[in-house]
Structures are given as structure tokens and as C-alpha cells.
Amino acid sequence: MQMAASQLVMAAAVALLASLLGGAAGGVMIGGKDLGKELAATMGAFFGPIGGFVGTLVGLLGLVLWARVRS
């Protein structure tokens, strides 16, 4: 079973949203006391997708390539 392009776009959008929210929450937990909660959340939301979203895109690319090899 292959993923449609719309499913890939939806998965990427959900991954971006999750990494933004996770980065903001992590930023507040780690640096909220020292930097202030707003700045820590902004920085977390900015830097969170660097790892999370890119990792998800690499995983989706791997799934697409694996599906093409199998078919």
C-alpha cells in the first residue's frame, strides 16, 4: 500500500505542529525560570522543528523509498 501525496503532506504538517508544540513546552520547562516563559517558549518553538521536523521528513522519505523498492 502506497501513501498518497496528500497523506505525506498531512503527516508533514502534523509533524511540524508537534515539533513546534514540543519545542515550546520543552523550552518553558528548561529555560522558563531563567529566560522568562515567553522567550523560552519562542526559542523552543523556533529550535524544536530543527530536529523533530527534519527527522520526520527523513523517515517519510525512507518509507517512500522502501515502498517503491517493494513494489
PDB file of N, CA and C in Angstrom:
ATOM      1  N   MET A   1       0.839  -1.172   0.000  1.00  0.00           N
ATOM      2  CA  MET A   1       0.000   0.000   0.000  1.00  0.00           C
ATOM      3  C   MET A   1       0.891   1.245   0.000  1.00  0.00           C
ATOM      4  N   GLN A   2       0.652   2.142  -0.903  1.00  0.00           N
ATOM      5  CA  GLN A   2       1.457   3.343  -1.019  1.00  0.00           C
ATOM      6  C   GLN A   2       0.717   4.528  -0.410  1.00  0.00           C
ATOM      7  N   MET A   3       1.490   5.475   0.073  1.00  0.00           N
ATOM      8  CA  MET A   3       0.908   6.689   0.627  1.00  0.00           C
ATOM      9  C   MET A   3       0.654   7.683  -0.500  1.00  0.00           C
ATOM     10  N   ALA A   4      -0.490   8.321  -0.446  1.00  0.00           N
ATOM     11  CA  ALA A   4      -0.796   9.361  -1.419  1.00  0.00           C
ATOM     12  C   ALA A   4      -0.044  10.637  -1.034  1.00  0.00           C
ATOM     13  N   ALA A   5       0.077  11.532  -1.981  1.00  0.00           N
ATOM     14  CA  ALA A   5       0.781  12.787  -1.723  1.00  0.00           C
ATOM     15  C   ALA A   5       0.083  13.586  -0.626  1.00  0.00           C
ATOM     16  N   SER A   6      -1.244  13.547  -0.601  1.00  0.00           N
ATOM     17  CA  SER A   6      -1.970  14.281   0.438  1.00  0.00           C
ATOM     18  C   SER A   6      -1.682  13.712   1.826  1.00  0.00           C
ATOM     19  N   GLN A   7      -1.478  12.400   1.919  1.00  0.00           N
ATOM     20  CA  GLN A   7      -1.144  11.792   3.205  1.00  0.00           C
ATOM     21  C   GLN A   7       0.250  12.212   3.655  1.00  0.00           C
ATOM     22  N   LEU A   8       1.183  12.311   2.722  1.00  0.00           N
ATOM     23  CA  LEU A   8       2.526  12.763   3.067  1.00  0.00           C
ATOM     24  C   LEU A   8       2.521  14.213   3.547  1.00  0.00           C
ATOM     25  N   VAL A   9       1.742  15.055   2.875  1.00  0.00           N
ATOM     26  CA  VAL A   9       1.648  16.456   3.278  1.00  0.00           C
ATOM     27  C   VAL A   9       1.002  16.567   4.651  1.00  0.00           C
ATOM     28  N   MET A  10      -0.045  15.777   4.899  1.00  0.00           N
ATOM     29  CA  MET A  10      -0.710  15.802   6.200  1.00  0.00           C
ATOM     30  C   MET A  10       0.229  15.311   7.302  1.00  0.00           C
ATOM     31  N   ALA A  11       0.991  14.269   7.031  1.00  0.00           N
ATOM     32  CA  ALA A  11       1.946  13.764   8.020  1.00  0.00           C
ATOM     33  C   ALA A  11       3.024  14.804   8.315  1.00  0.00           C
ATOM     34  N   ALA A  12       3.489  15.494   7.293  1.00  0.00           N
ATOM     35  CA  ALA A  12       4.498  16.542   7.496  1.00  0.00           C
ATOM     36  C   ALA A  12       3.918  17.711   8.291  1.00  0.00           C
ATOM     37  N   ALA A  13       2.664  18.079   8.032  1.00  0.00           N
ATOM     38  CA  ALA A  13       2.037  19.177   8.763  1.00  0.00           C
ATOM     39  C   ALA A  13       1.851  18.819  10.239  1.00  0.00           C
ATOM     40  N   VAL A  14       1.419  17.592  10.499  1.00  0.00           N
ATOM     41  CA  VAL A  14       1.255  17.149  11.887  1.00  0.00           C
ATOM     42  C   VAL A  14       2.605  17.098  12.595  1.00  0.00           C
ATOM     43  N   ALA A  15       3.637  16.652  11.891  1.00  0.00           N
ATOM     44  CA  ALA A  15       4.975  16.605  12.483  1.00  0.00           C
ATOM     45  C   ALA A  15       5.489  18.005  12.802  1.00  0.00           C
ATOM     46  N   LEU A  16       5.226  18.958  11.925  1.00  0.00           N
ATOM     47  CA  LEU A  16       5.652  20.333  12.171  1.00  0.00           C
ATOM     48  C   LEU A  16       4.936  20.903  13.388  1.00  0.00           C
ATOM     49  N   LEU A  17       3.639  20.690  13.468  1.00  0.00           N
ATOM     50  CA  LEU A  17       2.871  21.188  14.611  1.00  0.00           C
ATOM     51  C   LEU A  17       3.338  20.546  15.913  1.00  0.00           C
ATOM     52  N   ALA A  18       3.562  19.242  15.885  1.00  0.00           N
ATOM     53  CA  ALA A  18       4.012  18.543  17.089  1.00  0.00           C
ATOM     54  C   ALA A  18       5.395  19.012  17.520  1.00  0.00           C
ATOM     55  N   SER A  19       6.284  19.248  16.577  1.00  0.00           N
ATOM     56  CA  SER A  19       7.622  19.700  16.953  1.00  0.00           C
ATOM     57  C   SER A  19       7.604  21.144  17.455  1.00  0.00           C
ATOM     58  N   LEU A  20       6.709  21.977  16.918  1.00  0.00           N
ATOM     59  CA  LEU A  20       6.562  23.339  17.435  1.00  0.00           C
ATOM     60  C   LEU A  20       6.060  23.325  18.873  1.00  0.00           C
ATOM     61  N   LEU A  21       5.005  22.553  19.115  1.00  0.00           N
ATOM     62  CA  LEU A  21       4.438  22.489  20.462  1.00  0.00           C
ATOM     63  C   LEU A  21       5.402  21.831  21.440  1.00  0.00           C
ATOM     64  N   GLY A  22       6.057  20.768  21.007  1.00  0.00           N
ATOM     65  CA  GLY A  22       7.021  20.103  21.869  1.00  0.00           C
ATOM     66  C   GLY A  22       8.225  20.976  22.181  1.00  0.00           C
ATOM     67  N   GLY A  23       8.686  21.708  21.191  1.00  0.00           N
ATOM     68  CA  GLY A  23       9.808  22.619  21.414  1.00  0.00           C
ATOM     69  C   GLY A  23       9.443  23.745  22.367  1.00  0.00           C
ATOM     70  N   ALA A  24       8.236  24.294  22.214  1.00  0.00           N
ATOM     71  CA  ALA A  24       7.801  25.358  23.118  1.00  0.00           C
ATOM     72  C   ALA A  24       7.659  24.846  24.542  1.00  0.00           C
ATOM     73  N   ALA A  25       7.058  23.679  24.693  1.00  0.00           N
ATOM     74  CA  ALA A  25       6.895  23.104  26.037  1.00  0.00           C
ATOM     75  C   ALA A  25       8.253  22.784  26.657  1.00  0.00           C
ATOM     76  N   GLY A  26       9.145  22.215  25.879  1.00  0.00           N
ATOM     77  CA  GLY A  26      10.484  21.914  26.379  1.00  0.00           C
ATOM     78  C   GLY A  26      11.264  23.157  26.735  1.00  0.00           C
ATOM     79  N   GLY A  27      11.111  24.198  25.930  1.00  0.00           N
ATOM     80  CA  GLY A  27      11.794  25.462  26.223  1.00  0.00           C
ATOM     81  C   GLY A  27      11.320  26.076  27.523  1.00  0.00           C
ATOM     82  N   VAL A  28      10.010  26.022  27.773  1.00  0.00           N
ATOM     83  CA  VAL A  28       9.468  26.558  29.013  1.00  0.00           C
ATOM     84  C   VAL A  28       9.937  25.731  30.200  1.00  0.00           C
ATOM     85  N   MET A  29       9.964  24.421  30.046  1.00  0.00           N
ATOM     86  CA  MET A  29      10.387  23.560  31.151  1.00  0.00           C
ATOM     87  C   MET A  29      11.868  23.761  31.482  1.00  0.00           C
ATOM     88  N   ILE A  30      12.681  23.914  30.456  1.00  0.00           N
ATOM     89  CA  ILE A  30      14.125  24.008  30.688  1.00  0.00           C
ATOM     90  C   ILE A  30      14.561  25.431  31.037  1.00  0.00           C
ATOM     91  N   GLY A  31      14.117  26.409  30.285  1.00  0.00           N
ATOM     92  CA  GLY A  31      14.640  27.755  30.472  1.00  0.00           C
ATOM     93  C   GLY A  31      13.639  28.775  30.943  1.00  0.00           C
ATOM     94  N   GLY A  32      12.439  28.344  31.321  1.00  0.00           N
ATOM     95  CA  GLY A  32      11.407  29.297  31.715  1.00  0.00           C
ATOM     96  C   GLY A  32      11.770  30.138  32.915  1.00  0.00           C
ATOM     97  N   LYS A  33      12.468  29.557  33.863  1.00  0.00           N
ATOM     98  CA  LYS A  33      12.811  30.300  35.080  1.00  0.00           C
ATOM     99  C   LYS A  33      13.899  31.338  34.804  1.00  0.00           C
ATOM    100  N   ASP A  34      14.861  30.996  33.978  1.00  0.00           N
ATOM    101  CA  ASP A  34      15.989  31.902  33.728  1.00  0.00           C
ATOM    102  C   ASP A  34      15.695  32.951  32.661  1.00  0.00           C
ATOM    103  N   LEU A  35      15.026  32.557  31.601  1.00  0.00           N
ATOM    104  CA  LEU A  35      14.807  33.464  30.470  1.00  0.00           C
ATOM    105  C   LEU A  35      13.447  34.146  30.485  1.00  0.00           C
ATOM    106  N   GLY A  36      12.529  33.628  31.248  1.00  0.00           N
ATOM    107  CA  GLY A  36      11.142  34.070  31.154  1.00  0.00           C
ATOM    108  C   GLY A  36      10.393  33.105  30.261  1.00  0.00           C
ATOM    109  N   LYS A  37       9.157  32.849  30.604  1.00  0.00           N
ATOM    110  CA  LYS A  37       8.411  31.803  29.898  1.00  0.00           C
ATOM    111  C   LYS A  37       8.154  32.142  28.433  1.00  0.00           C
ATOM    112  N   GLU A  38       7.890  33.412  28.130  1.00  0.00           N
ATOM    113  CA  GLU A  38       7.580  33.773  26.747  1.00  0.00           C
ATOM    114  C   GLU A  38       8.792  33.600  25.833  1.00  0.00           C
ATOM    115  N   LEU A  39       9.944  34.084  26.292  1.00  0.00           N
ATOM    116  CA  LEU A  39      11.154  33.955  25.482  1.00  0.00           C
ATOM    117  C   LEU A  39      11.572  32.495  25.342  1.00  0.00           C
ATOM    118  N   ALA A  40      11.463  31.745  26.427  1.00  0.00           N
ATOM    119  CA  ALA A  40      11.834  30.334  26.373  1.00  0.00           C
ATOM    120  C   ALA A  40      10.911  29.564  25.432  1.00  0.00           C
ATOM    121  N   ALA A  41       9.617  29.879  25.454  1.00  0.00           N
ATOM    122  CA  ALA A  41       8.674  29.209  24.557  1.00  0.00           C
ATOM    123  C   ALA A  41       8.938  29.585  23.103  1.00  0.00           C
ATOM    124  N   THR A  42       9.248  30.847  22.856  1.00  0.00           N
ATOM    125  CA  THR A  42       9.550  31.290  21.487  1.00  0.00           C
ATOM    126  C   THR A  42      10.804  30.615  20.956  1.00  0.00           C
ATOM    127  N   MET A  43      11.830  30.569  21.783  1.00  0.00           N
ATOM    128  CA  MET A  43      13.074  29.927  21.345  1.00  0.00           C
ATOM    129  C   MET A  43      12.873  28.432  21.149  1.00  0.00           C
ATOM    130  N   GLY A  44      12.115  27.797  22.047  1.00  0.00           N
ATOM    131  CA  GLY A  44      11.840  26.374  21.901  1.00  0.00           C
ATOM    132  C   GLY A  44      11.045  26.069  20.641  1.00  0.00           C
ATOM    133  N   ALA A  45      10.045  26.913  20.350  1.00  0.00           N
ATOM    134  CA  ALA A  45       9.251  26.704  19.142  1.00  0.00           C
ATOM    135  C   ALA A  45      10.076  26.953  17.883  1.00  0.00           C
ATOM    136  N   PHE A  46      11.090  27.810  17.981  1.00  0.00           N
ATOM    137  CA  PHE A  46      11.960  28.066  16.837  1.00  0.00           C
ATOM    138  C   PHE A  46      12.945  26.917  16.615  1.00  0.00           C
ATOM    139  N   PHE A  47      13.545  26.442  17.691  1.00  0.00           N
ATOM    140  CA  PHE A  47      14.576  25.421  17.558  1.00  0.00           C
ATOM    141  C   PHE A  47      14.032  23.992  17.606  1.00  0.00           C
ATOM    142  N   GLY A  48      12.824  23.787  18.079  1.00  0.00           N
ATOM    143  CA  GLY A  48      12.249  22.445  18.159  1.00  0.00           C
ATOM    144  C   GLY A  48      12.134  21.745  16.814  1.00  0.00           C
ATOM    145  N   PRO A  49      11.618  22.421  15.783  1.00  0.00           N
ATOM    146  CA  PRO A  49      11.466  21.764  14.482  1.00  0.00           C
ATOM    147  C   PRO A  49      12.779  21.418  13.786  1.00  0.00           C
ATOM    148  N   ILE A  50      13.890  21.991  14.236  1.00  0.00           N
ATOM    149  CA  ILE A  50      15.163  21.691  13.579  1.00  0.00           C
ATOM    150  C   ILE A  50      15.440  20.197  13.628  1.00  0.00           C
ATOM    151  N   GLY A  51      15.229  19.584  14.768  1.00  0.00           N
ATOM    152  CA  GLY A  51      15.467  18.144  14.884  1.00  0.00           C
ATOM    153  C   GLY A  51      14.237  17.310  14.577  1.00  0.00           C
ATOM    154  N   GLY A  52      13.110  17.701  15.145  1.00  0.00           N
ATOM    155  CA  GLY A  52      11.907  16.887  15.023  1.00  0.00           C
ATOM    156  C   GLY A  52      11.345  16.828  13.614  1.00  0.00           C
ATOM    157  N   PHE A  53      11.208  17.975  12.974  1.00  0.00           N
ATOM    158  CA  PHE A  53      10.602  18.013  11.653  1.00  0.00           C
ATOM    159  C   PHE A  53      11.520  17.401  10.596  1.00  0.00           C
ATOM    160  N   VAL A  54      12.796  17.702  10.685  1.00  0.00           N
ATOM    161  CA  VAL A  54      13.749  17.134   9.724  1.00  0.00           C
ATOM    162  C   VAL A  54      13.815  15.611   9.879  1.00  0.00           C
ATOM    163  N   GLY A  55      13.805  15.142  11.107  1.00  0.00           N
ATOM    164  CA  GLY A  55      13.805  13.693  11.342  1.00  0.00           C
ATOM    165  C   GLY A  55      12.566  13.021  10.777  1.00  0.00           C
ATOM    166  N   THR A  56      11.426  13.687  10.906  1.00  0.00           N
ATOM    167  CA  THR A  56      10.191  13.138  10.348  1.00  0.00           C
ATOM    168  C   THR A  56      10.246  13.105   8.826  1.00  0.00           C
ATOM    169  N   LEU A  57      10.774  14.153   8.217  1.00  0.00           N
ATOM    170  CA  LEU A  57      10.891  14.163   6.755  1.00  0.00           C
ATOM    171  C   LEU A  57      11.822  13.057   6.264  1.00  0.00           C
ATOM    172  N   VAL A  58      12.909  12.828   6.975  1.00  0.00           N
ATOM    173  CA  VAL A  58      13.825  11.744   6.602  1.00  0.00           C
ATOM    174  C   VAL A  58      13.116  10.396   6.738  1.00  0.00           C
ATOM    175  N   GLY A  59      12.340  10.236   7.806  1.00  0.00           N
ATOM    176  CA  GLY A  59      11.582   8.993   7.986  1.00  0.00           C
ATOM    177  C   GLY A  59      10.541   8.779   6.896  1.00  0.00           C
ATOM    178  N   LEU A  60       9.823   9.836   6.523  1.00  0.00           N
ATOM    179  CA  LEU A  60       8.843   9.716   5.443  1.00  0.00           C
ATOM    180  C   LEU A  60       9.518   9.401   4.112  1.00  0.00           C
ATOM    181  N   LEU A  61      10.655  10.016   3.856  1.00  0.00           N
ATOM    182  CA  LEU A  61      11.397   9.715   2.635  1.00  0.00           C
ATOM    183  C   LEU A  61      11.827   8.252   2.618  1.00  0.00           C
ATOM    184  N   GLY A  62      12.280   7.758   3.764  1.00  0.00           N
ATOM    185  CA  GLY A  62      12.654   6.346   3.858  1.00  0.00           C
ATOM    186  C   GLY A  62      11.481   5.424   3.595  1.00  0.00           C
ATOM    187  N   LEU A  63      10.305   5.773   4.108  1.00  0.00           N
ATOM    188  CA  LEU A  63       9.113   4.957   3.858  1.00  0.00           C
ATOM    189  C   LEU A  63       8.727   4.957   2.378  1.00  0.00           C
ATOM    190  N   VAL A  64       8.830   6.120   1.743  1.00  0.00           N
ATOM    191  CA  VAL A  64       8.507   6.204   0.314  1.00  0.00           C
ATOM    192  C   VAL A  64       9.482   5.355  -0.503  1.00  0.00           C
ATOM    193  N   LEU A  65      10.758   5.463  -0.202  1.00  0.00           N
ATOM    194  CA  LEU A  65      11.748   4.673  -0.938  1.00  0.00           C
ATOM    195  C   LEU A  65      11.561   3.185  -0.693  1.00  0.00           C
ATOM    196  N   TRP A  66      11.265   2.816   0.550  1.00  0.00           N
ATOM    197  CA  TRP A  66      11.048   1.414   0.869  1.00  0.00           C
ATOM    198  C   TRP A  66       9.822   0.864   0.138  1.00  0.00           C
ATOM    199  N   ALA A  67       8.759   1.674   0.049  1.00  0.00           N
ATOM    200  CA  ALA A  67       7.555   1.237  -0.664  1.00  0.00           C
ATOM    201  C   ALA A  67       7.844   1.063  -2.154  1.00  0.00           C
ATOM    202  N   ARG A  68       8.670   1.930  -2.727  1.00  0.00           N
ATOM    203  CA  ARG A  68       8.991   1.795  -4.155  1.00  0.00           C
ATOM    204  C   ARG A  68       9.852   0.567  -4.428  1.00  0.00           C
ATOM    205  N   VAL A  69      10.748   0.262  -3.519  1.00  0.00           N
ATOM    206  CA  VAL A  69      11.601  -0.923  -3.703  1.00  0.00           C
ATOM    207  C   VAL A  69      10.766  -2.185  -3.620  1.00  0.00           C
ATOM    208  N   ARG A  70       9.805  -2.195  -2.712  1.00  0.00           N
ATOM    209  CA  ARG A  70       8.980  -3.393  -2.502  1.00  0.00           C
ATOM    210  C   ARG A  70       7.990  -3.632  -3.625  1.00  0.00           C
ATOM    211  N   SER A  71       7.615  -2.583  -4.356  1.00  0.00           N
ATOM    212  CA  SER A  71       6.601  -2.776  -5.408  1.00  0.00           C
ATOM    213  C   SER A  71       7.211  -2.994  -6.776  1.00  0.00           C
TER     214      SER A  71
END
